[in-house]
């Protein structure tokens, strides 16, 4: 028996917006400053720990010598996510895992982003559609 419960709102279909920019996930050293080439895009995120600094940014200017993953396509879960809604990411990541699609996630206060390799973006959309979710192109701000 499974002891983990998922909010009913999490199992409902979600709407994801697909952003057109090519994104990158970049690994920098601990305490690193954000470099000038890490210009903002539809998603720009910096996460720092004692052992590394990770930047999600536009992929176009990332130097080849810097450890990074690209090209990535970003999908944002449409609407505001409440922290009390458990299981939203599980509901969205499970179809991708079943399809063998790797992901990188990033969250803000109101939403979550799912980044997939650009060559898997169409397959990710199809996996979500088969699972009852919808996708649409985003209009970047």
N, C-alpha and C. Protein backbone atom coordinates (compact mmCIF):
# COMPACT_ATOMS: atom_id res chain seq x y z
N UNK A 1 0.84 -1.18 0.00
CA UNK A 1 0.00 0.00 0.00
C UNK A 1 0.88 1.24 0.00
N UNK A 2 0.49 2.23 -0.74
CA UNK A 2 1.24 3.48 -0.86
C UNK A 2 0.81 4.45 0.22
N UNK A 3 1.76 4.90 1.05
CA UNK A 3 1.45 5.84 2.12
C UNK A 3 1.49 7.28 1.66
N UNK A 4 1.97 7.53 0.44
CA UNK A 4 2.07 8.90 -0.06
C UNK A 4 0.78 9.26 -0.75
N UNK A 5 0.17 10.36 -0.31
CA UNK A 5 -1.06 10.80 -0.97
C UNK A 5 -0.75 12.01 -1.83
N UNK A 6 -1.47 12.12 -2.91
CA UNK A 6 -1.32 13.24 -3.82
C UNK A 6 -2.61 14.02 -3.80
N UNK A 7 -2.51 15.34 -3.65
CA UNK A 7 -3.68 16.21 -3.71
C UNK A 7 -4.48 15.91 -4.97
N UNK A 8 -5.80 15.93 -4.85
CA UNK A 8 -6.62 15.72 -6.04
C UNK A 8 -6.36 16.81 -7.07
N UNK A 9 -6.04 18.03 -6.61
CA UNK A 9 -5.75 19.11 -7.56
C UNK A 9 -4.48 18.82 -8.34
N UNK A 10 -3.56 18.06 -7.76
CA UNK A 10 -2.32 17.73 -8.46
C UNK A 10 -2.57 16.73 -9.57
N UNK A 11 -3.51 15.83 -9.38
CA UNK A 11 -3.75 14.80 -10.38
C UNK A 11 -4.59 15.32 -11.55
N UNK A 12 -5.22 16.49 -11.36
CA UNK A 12 -5.99 17.09 -12.45
C UNK A 12 -5.02 17.53 -13.54
N UNK A 13 -5.54 17.65 -14.75
CA UNK A 13 -4.69 18.09 -15.84
C UNK A 13 -4.15 19.49 -15.62
N UNK A 14 -2.91 19.68 -15.95
CA UNK A 14 -2.27 20.99 -15.84
C UNK A 14 -2.00 21.54 -17.22
N UNK A 15 -1.85 22.85 -17.29
CA UNK A 15 -1.53 23.52 -18.55
C UNK A 15 -0.10 24.03 -18.45
N UNK A 16 0.72 23.69 -19.46
CA UNK A 16 2.12 24.11 -19.49
C UNK A 16 2.35 25.02 -20.68
N UNK A 17 3.18 26.03 -20.47
CA UNK A 17 3.53 26.96 -21.53
C UNK A 17 4.95 26.69 -21.98
N UNK A 18 5.13 26.52 -23.28
CA UNK A 18 6.44 26.22 -23.86
C UNK A 18 7.09 27.52 -24.34
N UNK A 19 8.28 27.79 -23.81
CA UNK A 19 9.00 29.01 -24.14
C UNK A 19 9.96 28.77 -25.30
N UNK A 20 10.11 29.77 -26.18
CA UNK A 20 10.90 29.57 -27.39
C UNK A 20 12.42 29.67 -27.22
N UNK A 21 12.90 30.34 -26.16
CA UNK A 21 14.34 30.52 -26.01
C UNK A 21 15.06 29.19 -25.78
N UNK A 22 16.30 29.15 -26.23
CA UNK A 22 17.17 28.04 -25.88
C UNK A 22 17.79 28.38 -24.53
N UNK A 23 17.64 27.48 -23.57
CA UNK A 23 18.14 27.70 -22.22
C UNK A 23 19.33 26.81 -21.93
N UNK A 24 20.04 27.17 -20.87
CA UNK A 24 21.19 26.37 -20.41
C UNK A 24 21.17 26.31 -18.90
N UNK A 25 21.69 25.22 -18.36
CA UNK A 25 21.95 25.08 -16.93
C UNK A 25 23.46 25.07 -16.80
N UNK A 26 23.99 26.01 -16.02
CA UNK A 26 25.43 26.24 -15.94
C UNK A 26 25.92 25.99 -14.52
N UNK A 27 27.03 25.26 -14.42
CA UNK A 27 27.65 25.00 -13.12
C UNK A 27 28.83 25.94 -12.93
N UNK A 28 28.78 26.71 -11.83
CA UNK A 28 29.87 27.60 -11.46
C UNK A 28 30.40 27.16 -10.10
N UNK A 29 31.52 27.68 -9.72
CA UNK A 29 32.11 27.33 -8.44
C UNK A 29 31.35 27.91 -7.25
N UNK A 30 31.66 27.43 -6.05
CA UNK A 30 31.00 27.96 -4.86
C UNK A 30 31.30 29.45 -4.70
N UNK A 31 30.26 30.21 -4.39
CA UNK A 31 30.41 31.64 -4.17
C UNK A 31 30.66 32.46 -5.43
N UNK A 32 30.50 31.87 -6.60
CA UNK A 32 30.77 32.58 -7.86
C UNK A 32 29.78 33.72 -8.07
N UNK A 33 30.28 34.80 -8.65
CA UNK A 33 29.40 35.88 -9.09
C UNK A 33 28.72 35.45 -10.37
N UNK A 34 27.54 36.00 -10.62
CA UNK A 34 26.85 35.69 -11.87
C UNK A 34 27.55 36.45 -12.99
N UNK A 35 28.07 35.74 -14.00
CA UNK A 35 28.82 36.39 -15.07
C UNK A 35 27.92 37.26 -15.96
N UNK A 36 28.51 38.23 -16.60
CA UNK A 36 27.77 39.14 -17.47
C UNK A 36 27.09 38.41 -18.62
N UNK A 37 27.69 37.30 -19.11
CA UNK A 37 27.09 36.59 -20.24
C UNK A 37 25.81 35.85 -19.86
N UNK A 38 25.54 35.74 -18.59
CA UNK A 38 24.34 35.01 -18.15
C UNK A 38 23.14 35.95 -18.17
N UNK A 39 22.85 36.45 -19.35
CA UNK A 39 21.75 37.41 -19.49
C UNK A 39 20.42 36.76 -19.17
N UNK A 40 19.48 37.58 -18.79
CA UNK A 40 18.17 37.04 -18.43
C UNK A 40 17.40 36.61 -19.67
N UNK A 41 16.45 35.75 -19.45
CA UNK A 41 15.56 35.28 -20.50
C UNK A 41 14.22 35.03 -19.83
N UNK A 42 13.38 34.20 -20.42
CA UNK A 42 12.08 33.93 -19.80
C UNK A 42 12.23 33.33 -18.41
N UNK A 43 13.31 32.59 -18.23
CA UNK A 43 13.62 32.09 -16.88
C UNK A 43 15.09 32.41 -16.62
N UNK A 44 15.34 32.97 -15.46
CA UNK A 44 16.70 33.26 -15.03
C UNK A 44 16.73 32.91 -13.55
N UNK A 45 17.56 31.96 -13.19
CA UNK A 45 17.57 31.47 -11.82
C UNK A 45 19.00 31.25 -11.37
N UNK A 46 19.27 31.61 -10.13
CA UNK A 46 20.57 31.37 -9.52
C UNK A 46 20.32 30.61 -8.23
N UNK A 47 20.97 29.47 -8.09
CA UNK A 47 20.89 28.69 -6.85
C UNK A 47 22.31 28.45 -6.39
N UNK A 48 22.56 28.81 -5.14
CA UNK A 48 23.92 28.66 -4.61
C UNK A 48 23.90 27.80 -3.35
N UNK A 49 24.86 26.91 -3.26
CA UNK A 49 25.07 26.10 -2.05
C UNK A 49 26.53 26.27 -1.64
N UNK A 50 26.92 25.57 -0.61
CA UNK A 50 28.31 25.64 -0.17
C UNK A 50 29.27 25.03 -1.19
N UNK A 51 28.77 24.19 -2.10
CA UNK A 51 29.66 23.49 -3.03
C UNK A 51 29.56 23.94 -4.48
N UNK A 52 28.54 24.69 -4.84
CA UNK A 52 28.41 25.12 -6.23
C UNK A 52 27.40 26.25 -6.36
N UNK A 53 27.47 26.91 -7.49
CA UNK A 53 26.47 27.89 -7.90
C UNK A 53 25.94 27.43 -9.25
N UNK A 54 24.63 27.35 -9.38
CA UNK A 54 24.00 26.93 -10.62
C UNK A 54 23.18 28.08 -11.17
N UNK A 55 23.34 28.33 -12.47
CA UNK A 55 22.59 29.40 -13.13
C UNK A 55 21.78 28.78 -14.26
N UNK A 56 20.51 29.13 -14.33
CA UNK A 56 19.67 28.81 -15.48
C UNK A 56 19.53 30.12 -16.24
N UNK A 57 19.89 30.10 -17.52
CA UNK A 57 19.90 31.35 -18.28
C UNK A 57 19.74 31.04 -19.78
N UNK A 58 19.70 32.12 -20.55
CA UNK A 58 19.70 31.97 -22.01
C UNK A 58 20.97 31.23 -22.42
N UNK A 59 20.86 30.32 -23.35
CA UNK A 59 22.00 29.50 -23.74
C UNK A 59 22.91 30.11 -24.77
N UNK A 60 22.51 31.22 -25.37
CA UNK A 60 23.24 31.72 -26.54
C UNK A 60 24.66 32.21 -26.27
N UNK A 61 24.96 32.67 -25.06
CA UNK A 61 26.28 33.23 -24.82
C UNK A 61 27.12 32.44 -23.82
N UNK A 62 26.69 31.25 -23.46
CA UNK A 62 27.43 30.46 -22.48
C UNK A 62 28.75 29.99 -23.11
N UNK A 63 29.88 30.34 -22.52
CA UNK A 63 31.16 29.91 -23.08
C UNK A 63 31.30 28.39 -23.07
N UNK A 64 31.90 27.85 -24.10
CA UNK A 64 32.03 26.40 -24.21
C UNK A 64 32.90 25.81 -23.10
N UNK A 65 33.80 26.59 -22.51
CA UNK A 65 34.68 26.09 -21.45
C UNK A 65 33.98 25.94 -20.11
N UNK A 66 32.80 26.54 -19.95
CA UNK A 66 32.08 26.50 -18.68
C UNK A 66 31.19 25.25 -18.67
N UNK A 67 31.23 24.45 -17.59
CA UNK A 67 30.37 23.25 -17.53
C UNK A 67 28.88 23.65 -17.63
N UNK A 68 28.20 23.07 -18.60
CA UNK A 68 26.80 23.42 -18.81
C UNK A 68 26.05 22.30 -19.53
N UNK A 69 24.73 22.41 -19.46
CA UNK A 69 23.83 21.54 -20.22
C UNK A 69 23.01 22.46 -21.10
N UNK A 70 23.02 22.22 -22.39
CA UNK A 70 22.19 22.94 -23.34
C UNK A 70 22.20 22.18 -24.65
N UNK A 71 21.31 22.37 -25.53
CA UNK A 71 20.19 23.29 -25.48
C UNK A 71 19.01 22.66 -24.76
N UNK A 72 18.33 23.49 -23.97
CA UNK A 72 17.16 23.05 -23.22
C UNK A 72 15.95 23.90 -23.61
N UNK A 73 14.78 23.30 -23.53
CA UNK A 73 13.52 24.01 -23.73
C UNK A 73 12.80 24.08 -22.40
N UNK A 74 12.29 25.26 -22.07
CA UNK A 74 11.61 25.47 -20.79
C UNK A 74 10.10 25.46 -20.93
N UNK A 75 9.46 24.75 -20.01
CA UNK A 75 8.00 24.74 -19.89
C UNK A 75 7.65 25.27 -18.50
N UNK A 76 6.72 26.22 -18.44
CA UNK A 76 6.27 26.74 -17.16
C UNK A 76 4.86 26.25 -16.89
N UNK A 77 4.64 25.80 -15.67
CA UNK A 77 3.29 25.40 -15.28
C UNK A 77 2.46 26.67 -15.19
N UNK A 78 1.39 26.74 -15.94
CA UNK A 78 0.56 27.94 -16.00
C UNK A 78 -0.20 28.13 -14.70
N UNK A 79 -0.29 29.35 -14.26
CA UNK A 79 -1.03 29.68 -13.05
C UNK A 79 -0.14 29.70 -11.83
N UNK A 80 -0.74 29.98 -10.72
CA UNK A 80 -0.02 30.05 -9.45
C UNK A 80 -0.16 28.72 -8.72
N UNK A 81 0.96 28.19 -8.26
CA UNK A 81 0.96 26.93 -7.51
C UNK A 81 1.04 27.24 -6.02
N UNK A 82 0.16 26.67 -5.27
CA UNK A 82 0.19 26.81 -3.82
C UNK A 82 1.09 25.72 -3.25
N UNK A 83 1.88 26.05 -2.25
CA UNK A 83 2.75 25.07 -1.61
C UNK A 83 1.94 23.93 -0.99
N UNK A 84 0.69 24.20 -0.66
CA UNK A 84 -0.16 23.16 -0.06
C UNK A 84 -0.65 22.13 -1.07
N UNK A 85 -0.46 22.39 -2.36
CA UNK A 85 -0.86 21.42 -3.39
C UNK A 85 0.28 20.44 -3.61
N UNK A 86 0.22 19.31 -2.96
CA UNK A 86 1.29 18.32 -3.07
C UNK A 86 1.12 17.47 -4.32
N UNK A 87 2.24 17.03 -4.87
CA UNK A 87 2.21 16.08 -5.97
C UNK A 87 2.13 16.67 -7.35
N UNK A 88 2.15 17.99 -7.49
CA UNK A 88 2.03 18.59 -8.82
C UNK A 88 3.21 18.17 -9.70
N UNK A 89 4.42 18.32 -9.19
CA UNK A 89 5.59 17.94 -10.01
C UNK A 89 5.62 16.44 -10.28
N UNK A 90 5.24 15.63 -9.32
CA UNK A 90 5.20 14.18 -9.54
C UNK A 90 4.27 13.86 -10.71
N UNK A 91 3.11 14.51 -10.72
CA UNK A 91 2.13 14.27 -11.77
C UNK A 91 2.67 14.66 -13.15
N UNK A 92 3.50 15.70 -13.19
CA UNK A 92 4.05 16.16 -14.46
C UNK A 92 5.35 15.47 -14.85
N UNK A 93 6.14 15.06 -13.86
CA UNK A 93 7.42 14.42 -14.17
C UNK A 93 7.29 12.93 -14.45
N UNK A 94 6.30 12.27 -13.89
CA UNK A 94 6.13 10.83 -14.11
C UNK A 94 5.98 10.46 -15.59
N UNK A 95 5.14 11.18 -16.36
CA UNK A 95 5.05 10.83 -17.79
C UNK A 95 6.38 11.01 -18.53
N UNK A 96 7.17 11.99 -18.10
CA UNK A 96 8.46 12.20 -18.74
C UNK A 96 9.44 11.08 -18.39
N UNK A 97 9.41 10.65 -17.14
CA UNK A 97 10.27 9.53 -16.72
C UNK A 97 9.90 8.27 -17.50
N UNK A 98 8.60 8.02 -17.65
CA UNK A 98 8.15 6.85 -18.40
C UNK A 98 8.59 6.91 -19.86
N UNK A 99 8.71 8.12 -20.40
CA UNK A 99 9.14 8.31 -21.79
C UNK A 99 10.66 8.38 -21.91
N UNK A 100 11.37 8.28 -20.79
CA UNK A 100 12.82 8.33 -20.81
C UNK A 100 13.40 9.71 -21.07
N UNK A 101 12.65 10.75 -20.69
CA UNK A 101 13.08 12.13 -20.92
C UNK A 101 13.65 12.70 -19.62
N UNK A 102 14.92 13.13 -19.66
CA UNK A 102 15.55 13.75 -18.51
C UNK A 102 15.05 15.17 -18.32
N UNK A 103 15.08 15.65 -17.08
CA UNK A 103 14.58 16.98 -16.78
C UNK A 103 15.49 17.72 -15.80
N UNK A 104 15.35 19.01 -15.78
CA UNK A 104 15.91 19.88 -14.75
C UNK A 104 14.75 20.76 -14.33
N UNK A 105 14.50 20.88 -13.04
CA UNK A 105 13.39 21.71 -12.57
C UNK A 105 13.92 22.92 -11.82
N UNK A 106 13.14 23.97 -11.87
CA UNK A 106 13.42 25.19 -11.11
C UNK A 106 12.08 25.75 -10.67
N UNK A 107 12.06 26.32 -9.50
CA UNK A 107 10.80 26.88 -9.00
C UNK A 107 10.98 28.31 -8.54
N UNK A 108 9.89 29.05 -8.65
CA UNK A 108 9.80 30.38 -8.09
C UNK A 108 8.74 30.32 -7.00
N UNK A 109 8.44 31.44 -6.40
CA UNK A 109 7.42 31.45 -5.35
C UNK A 109 6.07 30.98 -5.89
N UNK A 110 5.73 31.39 -7.12
CA UNK A 110 4.40 31.11 -7.67
C UNK A 110 4.32 29.95 -8.65
N UNK A 111 5.43 29.53 -9.23
CA UNK A 111 5.33 28.53 -10.29
C UNK A 111 6.55 27.63 -10.32
N UNK A 112 6.49 26.65 -11.19
CA UNK A 112 7.63 25.75 -11.41
C UNK A 112 7.88 25.64 -12.90
N UNK A 113 9.16 25.43 -13.21
CA UNK A 113 9.62 25.27 -14.58
C UNK A 113 10.18 23.87 -14.74
N UNK A 114 9.94 23.29 -15.90
CA UNK A 114 10.50 22.00 -16.25
C UNK A 114 11.30 22.21 -17.53
N UNK A 115 12.59 21.95 -17.46
CA UNK A 115 13.47 22.10 -18.62
C UNK A 115 13.81 20.71 -19.13
N UNK A 116 13.70 20.54 -20.44
CA UNK A 116 14.02 19.27 -21.08
C UNK A 116 14.98 19.53 -22.23
N UNK A 117 15.77 18.53 -22.61
CA UNK A 117 16.62 18.70 -23.80
C UNK A 117 15.77 19.11 -25.00
N UNK A 118 16.25 20.07 -25.75
CA UNK A 118 15.47 20.59 -26.88
C UNK A 118 14.99 19.48 -27.81
N UNK A 119 15.84 18.47 -28.06
CA UNK A 119 15.42 17.40 -28.98
C UNK A 119 14.31 16.52 -28.39
N UNK A 120 14.01 16.66 -27.09
CA UNK A 120 12.93 15.90 -26.46
C UNK A 120 11.68 16.73 -26.19
N UNK A 121 11.67 18.02 -26.58
CA UNK A 121 10.56 18.90 -26.22
C UNK A 121 9.23 18.43 -26.82
N UNK A 122 9.22 18.04 -28.07
CA UNK A 122 7.97 17.57 -28.69
C UNK A 122 7.49 16.28 -28.02
N UNK A 123 8.41 15.38 -27.72
CA UNK A 123 8.05 14.12 -27.05
C UNK A 123 7.51 14.40 -25.65
N UNK A 124 8.05 15.41 -24.97
CA UNK A 124 7.54 15.78 -23.64
C UNK A 124 6.10 16.26 -23.75
N UNK A 125 5.84 17.11 -24.74
CA UNK A 125 4.47 17.59 -24.93
C UNK A 125 3.51 16.42 -25.20
N UNK A 126 3.94 15.49 -26.02
CA UNK A 126 3.09 14.33 -26.32
C UNK A 126 2.86 13.48 -25.07
N UNK A 127 3.89 13.27 -24.26
CA UNK A 127 3.73 12.50 -23.02
C UNK A 127 2.74 13.19 -22.08
N UNK A 128 2.82 14.49 -21.99
CA UNK A 128 1.86 15.22 -21.14
C UNK A 128 0.45 15.12 -21.69
N UNK A 129 0.29 15.26 -22.99
CA UNK A 129 -1.06 15.16 -23.58
C UNK A 129 -1.67 13.79 -23.29
N UNK A 130 -0.87 12.73 -23.43
CA UNK A 130 -1.38 11.37 -23.15
C UNK A 130 -1.78 11.22 -21.68
N UNK A 131 -1.21 12.07 -20.82
CA UNK A 131 -1.50 11.99 -19.38
C UNK A 131 -2.57 12.98 -18.95
N UNK A 132 -3.22 13.66 -19.89
CA UNK A 132 -4.32 14.55 -19.56
C UNK A 132 -3.93 16.00 -19.32
N UNK A 133 -2.71 16.37 -19.65
CA UNK A 133 -2.26 17.75 -19.51
C UNK A 133 -2.31 18.43 -20.88
N UNK A 134 -2.24 19.75 -20.88
CA UNK A 134 -2.23 20.49 -22.12
C UNK A 134 -0.99 21.38 -22.19
N UNK A 135 -0.60 21.72 -23.41
CA UNK A 135 0.54 22.61 -23.62
C UNK A 135 0.17 23.64 -24.68
N UNK A 136 0.88 24.76 -24.65
CA UNK A 136 0.69 25.79 -25.66
C UNK A 136 1.96 26.62 -25.72
N UNK A 137 2.19 27.28 -26.85
CA UNK A 137 3.35 28.18 -26.92
C UNK A 137 3.14 29.35 -25.96
N UNK A 138 4.21 29.79 -25.34
CA UNK A 138 4.17 30.93 -24.44
C UNK A 138 4.49 32.20 -25.21
N UNK A 139 4.02 33.29 -24.69
CA UNK A 139 4.40 34.59 -25.20
C UNK A 139 5.29 35.23 -24.17
N UNK A 140 6.62 35.21 -24.40
CA UNK A 140 7.54 35.77 -23.40
C UNK A 140 7.25 37.23 -23.12
N UNK A 141 7.43 37.60 -21.86
CA UNK A 141 7.17 39.00 -21.45
C UNK A 141 8.32 39.88 -21.84
